[in-house]
C-alpha cells in the first residue's frame, strides 16, 4: 500500500509540472510573435524618421516662398507701370 500512495502523490506533481510547462510554452508562443512584430515596427520607425529628416531638408526652401511672392508682386507692379507708360 505504501507504493500506491507514493505513486499517487508523484502523479499530482507530474500533472502539476506538465500543466506548468504547457502554460509556459503557450505564453512563449504568444509573446514571441509580439516581440518580433515590435522589432519590425521599430526598424520601420527608424526608416520613417530618416525619411522625415530628409523631407525637412528637401522642403527648407519653402520657408522663403513668402519672400519670393513679395518680390514677384513688386516685379508685376513694375511691369504694369511700364506698360501703362508705354500706352499699353
N, C-alpha and C. Protein backbone atom coordinates (compact mmCIF):
# COMPACT_ATOMS: atom_id res chain seq x y z
N UNK A 1 0.80 -1.19 0.00
CA UNK A 1 0.00 0.00 0.00
C UNK A 1 0.85 1.26 0.00
N UNK A 2 2.00 1.18 0.54
CA UNK A 2 2.87 2.35 0.59
C UNK A 2 3.31 2.76 -0.79
N UNK A 3 3.55 1.81 -1.66
CA UNK A 3 3.97 2.09 -3.02
C UNK A 3 2.87 2.82 -3.77
N UNK A 4 1.62 2.41 -3.60
CA UNK A 4 0.50 3.06 -4.27
C UNK A 4 0.32 4.49 -3.79
N UNK A 5 0.51 4.75 -2.54
CA UNK A 5 0.38 6.11 -2.01
C UNK A 5 1.49 7.00 -2.55
N UNK A 6 2.69 6.46 -2.67
CA UNK A 6 3.80 7.23 -3.21
C UNK A 6 3.56 7.54 -4.69
N UNK A 7 3.04 6.58 -5.45
CA UNK A 7 2.73 6.81 -6.85
C UNK A 7 1.64 7.86 -7.02
N UNK A 8 0.67 7.87 -6.16
CA UNK A 8 -0.43 8.84 -6.24
C UNK A 8 0.08 10.25 -5.95
N UNK A 9 0.98 10.39 -4.99
CA UNK A 9 1.49 11.73 -4.69
C UNK A 9 2.42 12.22 -5.79
N UNK A 10 3.16 11.33 -6.40
CA UNK A 10 4.02 11.70 -7.52
C UNK A 10 3.20 12.06 -8.76
N UNK A 11 2.08 11.42 -8.94
CA UNK A 11 1.22 11.70 -10.09
C UNK A 11 0.75 13.15 -10.05
N UNK A 12 0.42 13.62 -8.89
CA UNK A 12 0.00 15.02 -8.74
C UNK A 12 1.10 15.99 -9.14
N UNK A 13 2.32 15.67 -8.70
CA UNK A 13 3.45 16.52 -9.06
C UNK A 13 3.70 16.50 -10.57
N UNK A 14 3.61 15.33 -11.17
CA UNK A 14 3.84 15.21 -12.61
C UNK A 14 2.79 16.00 -13.37
N UNK A 15 1.54 15.87 -12.95
CA UNK A 15 0.46 16.63 -13.61
C UNK A 15 0.69 18.14 -13.43
N UNK A 16 1.09 18.54 -12.25
CA UNK A 16 1.35 19.96 -11.98
C UNK A 16 2.49 20.50 -12.82
N UNK A 17 3.58 19.76 -12.89
CA UNK A 17 4.72 20.20 -13.72
C UNK A 17 4.34 20.23 -15.20
N UNK A 18 3.57 19.24 -15.64
CA UNK A 18 3.16 19.20 -17.04
C UNK A 18 2.28 20.40 -17.38
N UNK A 19 1.34 20.72 -16.52
CA UNK A 19 0.48 21.88 -16.74
C UNK A 19 1.32 23.16 -16.73
N UNK A 20 2.25 23.25 -15.80
CA UNK A 20 3.13 24.42 -15.73
C UNK A 20 3.95 24.60 -16.99
N UNK A 21 4.51 23.52 -17.49
CA UNK A 21 5.32 23.58 -18.72
C UNK A 21 4.45 23.98 -19.90
N UNK A 22 3.25 23.44 -19.98
CA UNK A 22 2.33 23.77 -21.07
C UNK A 22 1.97 25.26 -21.02
N UNK A 23 1.70 25.77 -19.83
CA UNK A 23 1.37 27.19 -19.68
C UNK A 23 2.55 28.06 -20.12
N UNK A 24 3.74 27.71 -19.72
CA UNK A 24 4.93 28.47 -20.11
C UNK A 24 5.11 28.44 -21.63
N UNK A 25 4.92 27.28 -22.24
CA UNK A 25 5.07 27.18 -23.69
C UNK A 25 4.01 28.00 -24.43
N UNK A 26 2.80 28.02 -23.92
CA UNK A 26 1.74 28.83 -24.54
C UNK A 26 2.07 30.31 -24.43
N UNK A 27 2.54 30.74 -23.28
CA UNK A 27 2.91 32.15 -23.09
C UNK A 27 4.05 32.52 -24.03
N UNK A 28 5.04 31.67 -24.14
CA UNK A 28 6.16 31.93 -25.04
C UNK A 28 5.67 31.99 -26.49
N UNK A 29 4.78 31.08 -26.86
CA UNK A 29 4.24 31.06 -28.22
C UNK A 29 3.45 32.32 -28.53
N UNK A 30 2.85 32.94 -27.53
CA UNK A 30 2.10 34.18 -27.74
C UNK A 30 3.00 35.42 -27.70
N UNK A 31 4.01 35.41 -26.87
CA UNK A 31 4.86 36.58 -26.69
C UNK A 31 5.89 36.74 -27.80
N UNK A 32 6.43 35.66 -28.31
CA UNK A 32 7.48 35.73 -29.33
C UNK A 32 7.00 36.45 -30.59
N UNK A 33 5.82 36.14 -31.14
CA UNK A 33 5.37 36.90 -32.32
C UNK A 33 5.17 38.39 -32.03
N UNK A 34 4.71 38.70 -30.83
CA UNK A 34 4.53 40.10 -30.46
C UNK A 34 5.88 40.81 -30.43
N UNK A 35 6.88 40.17 -29.87
CA UNK A 35 8.22 40.77 -29.82
C UNK A 35 8.81 40.93 -31.21
N UNK A 36 8.60 39.95 -32.08
CA UNK A 36 9.10 40.06 -33.45
C UNK A 36 8.41 41.20 -34.19
N UNK A 37 7.12 41.36 -34.00
CA UNK A 37 6.39 42.45 -34.62
C UNK A 37 6.86 43.80 -34.08
N UNK A 38 7.11 43.87 -32.80
CA UNK A 38 7.61 45.12 -32.20
C UNK A 38 8.98 45.48 -32.77
N UNK A 39 9.82 44.48 -32.99
CA UNK A 39 11.14 44.73 -33.58
C UNK A 39 11.00 45.27 -35.00
N UNK A 40 10.10 44.66 -35.78
CA UNK A 40 9.87 45.11 -37.15
C UNK A 40 9.33 46.55 -37.18
N UNK A 41 8.42 46.85 -36.26
CA UNK A 41 7.88 48.21 -36.17
C UNK A 41 8.98 49.18 -35.80
N UNK A 42 9.86 48.80 -34.91
CA UNK A 42 10.98 49.66 -34.53
C UNK A 42 11.90 49.95 -35.70
N UNK A 43 12.17 48.95 -36.51
CA UNK A 43 13.02 49.16 -37.69
C UNK A 43 12.33 50.09 -38.69
N UNK A 44 11.02 49.90 -38.89
CA UNK A 44 10.29 50.77 -39.80
C UNK A 44 10.22 52.19 -39.27
N UNK A 45 10.10 52.34 -37.96
CA UNK A 45 10.05 53.68 -37.37
C UNK A 45 11.37 54.41 -37.60
N UNK A 46 12.47 53.71 -37.55
CA UNK A 46 13.77 54.32 -37.83
C UNK A 46 13.84 54.79 -39.28
N UNK A 47 13.36 53.96 -40.19
CA UNK A 47 13.36 54.35 -41.61
C UNK A 47 12.44 55.53 -41.85
N UNK A 48 11.29 55.56 -41.20
CA UNK A 48 10.36 56.68 -41.34
C UNK A 48 10.98 57.94 -40.79
N UNK A 49 11.66 57.85 -39.66
CA UNK A 49 12.30 59.03 -39.07
C UNK A 49 13.36 59.59 -40.00
N UNK A 50 14.16 58.73 -40.61
CA UNK A 50 15.17 59.20 -41.57
C UNK A 50 14.52 59.87 -42.77
N UNK A 51 13.42 59.32 -43.24
CA UNK A 51 12.70 59.91 -44.37
C UNK A 51 12.15 61.28 -44.01
N UNK A 52 11.63 61.41 -42.81
CA UNK A 52 11.12 62.71 -42.37
C UNK A 52 12.23 63.74 -42.24
N UNK A 53 13.39 63.31 -41.77
CA UNK A 53 14.52 64.24 -41.69
C UNK A 53 14.93 64.71 -43.07
N UNK A 54 14.91 63.81 -44.06
CA UNK A 54 15.23 64.19 -45.43
C UNK A 54 14.16 65.12 -45.99
N UNK A 55 12.92 64.92 -45.62
CA UNK A 55 11.84 65.80 -46.06
C UNK A 55 12.03 67.22 -45.54
N UNK A 56 12.52 67.34 -44.33
CA UNK A 56 12.80 68.67 -43.76
C UNK A 56 13.86 69.37 -44.59
N UNK A 57 14.89 68.64 -44.97
CA UNK A 57 15.95 69.21 -45.80
C UNK A 57 15.40 69.60 -47.17
N UNK A 58 14.58 68.72 -47.76
CA UNK A 58 14.07 68.96 -49.10
C UNK A 58 13.09 70.12 -49.16
N UNK A 59 12.39 70.40 -48.10
CA UNK A 59 11.37 71.45 -48.12
C UNK A 59 11.81 72.72 -47.40
N UNK A 60 13.07 72.82 -47.04
CA UNK A 60 13.56 74.01 -46.32
C UNK A 60 13.40 75.27 -47.16
N UNK A 61 13.51 75.16 -48.48
CA UNK A 61 13.38 76.32 -49.35
C UNK A 61 11.98 76.92 -49.36
N UNK A 62 10.99 76.18 -48.96
CA UNK A 62 9.62 76.69 -48.94
C UNK A 62 9.45 77.81 -47.92
N UNK A 63 10.33 77.90 -46.96
CA UNK A 63 10.25 78.97 -45.97
C UNK A 63 10.45 80.33 -46.63
N UNK A 64 11.20 80.38 -47.72
CA UNK A 64 11.45 81.64 -48.42
C UNK A 64 10.39 81.95 -49.46
N UNK A 65 9.35 81.15 -49.55
CA UNK A 65 8.32 81.34 -50.57
C UNK A 65 7.59 82.67 -50.39
N UNK A 66 7.34 83.09 -49.17
CA UNK A 66 6.66 84.38 -48.94
C UNK A 66 7.51 85.53 -49.46
N UNK A 67 8.81 85.44 -49.26
CA UNK A 67 9.71 86.49 -49.78
C UNK A 67 9.66 86.51 -51.30
N UNK A 68 9.67 85.35 -51.91
CA UNK A 68 9.62 85.27 -53.37
C UNK A 68 8.30 85.84 -53.88
N UNK A 69 7.20 85.51 -53.22
CA UNK A 69 5.89 86.04 -53.64
C UNK A 69 5.88 87.56 -53.53
N UNK A 70 6.47 88.08 -52.47
CA UNK A 70 6.56 89.54 -52.31
C UNK A 70 7.35 90.18 -53.44
N UNK A 71 8.46 89.57 -53.82
CA UNK A 71 9.28 90.11 -54.91
C UNK A 71 8.54 90.03 -56.24
N UNK A 72 7.82 88.94 -56.44
CA UNK A 72 7.04 88.80 -57.67
C UNK A 72 5.99 89.90 -57.75
N UNK A 73 5.37 90.21 -56.63
CA UNK A 73 4.38 91.30 -56.61
C UNK A 73 5.00 92.62 -57.01
N UNK A 74 6.20 92.91 -56.52
CA UNK A 74 6.91 94.15 -56.88
C UNK A 74 7.23 94.16 -58.37
N UNK A 75 7.70 93.04 -58.89
CA UNK A 75 8.06 92.94 -60.31
C UNK A 75 6.82 93.14 -61.18
N UNK A 76 5.71 92.50 -60.83
CA UNK A 76 4.49 92.65 -61.62
C UNK A 76 3.99 94.09 -61.59
N UNK A 77 4.06 94.72 -60.43
CA UNK A 77 3.64 96.13 -60.33
C UNK A 77 4.52 97.00 -61.23
N UNK A 78 5.82 96.74 -61.25
CA UNK A 78 6.73 97.50 -62.12
C UNK A 78 6.42 97.28 -63.59
N UNK A 79 6.11 96.05 -63.95
CA UNK A 79 5.75 95.76 -65.35
C UNK A 79 4.46 96.46 -65.74
N UNK A 80 3.50 96.50 -64.85
CA UNK A 80 2.24 97.20 -65.13
C UNK A 80 2.49 98.69 -65.32
N UNK A 81 3.36 99.28 -64.48
CA UNK A 81 3.68 100.71 -64.64
C UNK A 81 4.38 100.95 -65.97
N UNK A 82 5.29 100.05 -66.34
CA UNK A 82 5.99 100.20 -67.63
C UNK A 82 5.02 100.11 -68.79
N UNK A 83 4.11 99.18 -68.73
CA UNK A 83 3.12 99.03 -69.80
C UNK A 83 2.24 100.27 -69.88
N UNK A 84 1.84 100.79 -68.73
CA UNK A 84 0.99 101.98 -68.72
C UNK A 84 1.73 103.18 -69.32
N UNK A 85 3.03 103.32 -69.02
CA UNK A 85 3.81 104.44 -69.56
C UNK A 85 4.01 104.31 -71.07
N UNK A 86 4.03 103.08 -71.54
CA UNK A 86 4.19 102.86 -72.97
C UNK A 86 2.85 102.92 -73.71
N UNK A 87 1.80 103.13 -72.96
CA UNK A 87 0.48 103.28 -73.59
C UNK A 87 -0.23 101.96 -73.80
N UNK A 88 0.19 100.90 -73.15
CA UNK A 88 -0.42 99.60 -73.39
C UNK A 88 -1.32 99.13 -72.36
